Amino acid sequence: MTRALAVLLAPVVLAQARRLRRATPLLAAPDGEHTGGKGKLRLVVVGDSTAVGTGAASLDEALPGRLGKLLGARWRAVGRNGATAADVLRDHIDDAAGGPADVAVLLVGWNDAMTLRSPRAFARDLRALVERLRAASPAGRIVVVAPPAFSRFAALPQPLKMALGAHAANLARVAQRVADELEVDLAPGFDGASVASDRFHPDADGYAGMASAIARVLTP
């Protein structure tokens, strides 16, 4: 099952998506500074709502703070809710790549899957994002976080779950190919197991799990 399935099911899927949006509370990213942490390591987290901690009470409890603590790093979070890979490339990569980083974590794919962006377009934008981060920090590590496993999200009804799950899985395979091609690391996407009040974004425990997975990828 691929993007073609999602397109075929589009009338039903879009109707379900509209009902789900009406019933789902809209969470904002937590307020506060988008920097924090202590240590010699410099960490930048860039991407969509998961980069800026939507679903958590603060960025300290979200992915930047959790991962910064595990790595002993000073962190910066860059991005916004609803951003696709193309949006991050247009609006946020200049900020993210504006200074050197020892570790850069790139989170895109949620919204690319939900808007049924093509694998080719996603691969093109993902490749450009990685190349910009590498140009800013040639000696740094880059971790691409795969799109989420929508097929495991309890809040998603069928066939929406099947269609989005199939498309997200295809984009995850694209992310693996790009990571292999550019010789950067790939971490697993969010599994939907521990979610915030919208039953969609990670909560503090969900972010802790994501941070642990990324830290394991970075461990020699």
Foldseek 3Di string as FASTA:
>chain_A
DALVVCVVCVVVLVVLVVVLVVVFDDWFQADDAQKDFAADFEEEEEEASQLRHTQENHVCLGQQNLLCVVVRYIYGGWYYHLDALVNCLPPPLCVRLVAEGQEYEYEHQQNCLVVSPDLVVNLVSVLVSVVSNCVSYVNHAYEYEAAEQLLQQPSRDPPNSVNSNRHSVVNSVSVVVSCVVVVHHYFYHQHLPAGHRSSPHHYSVSRNVRSVRVVVRVDD
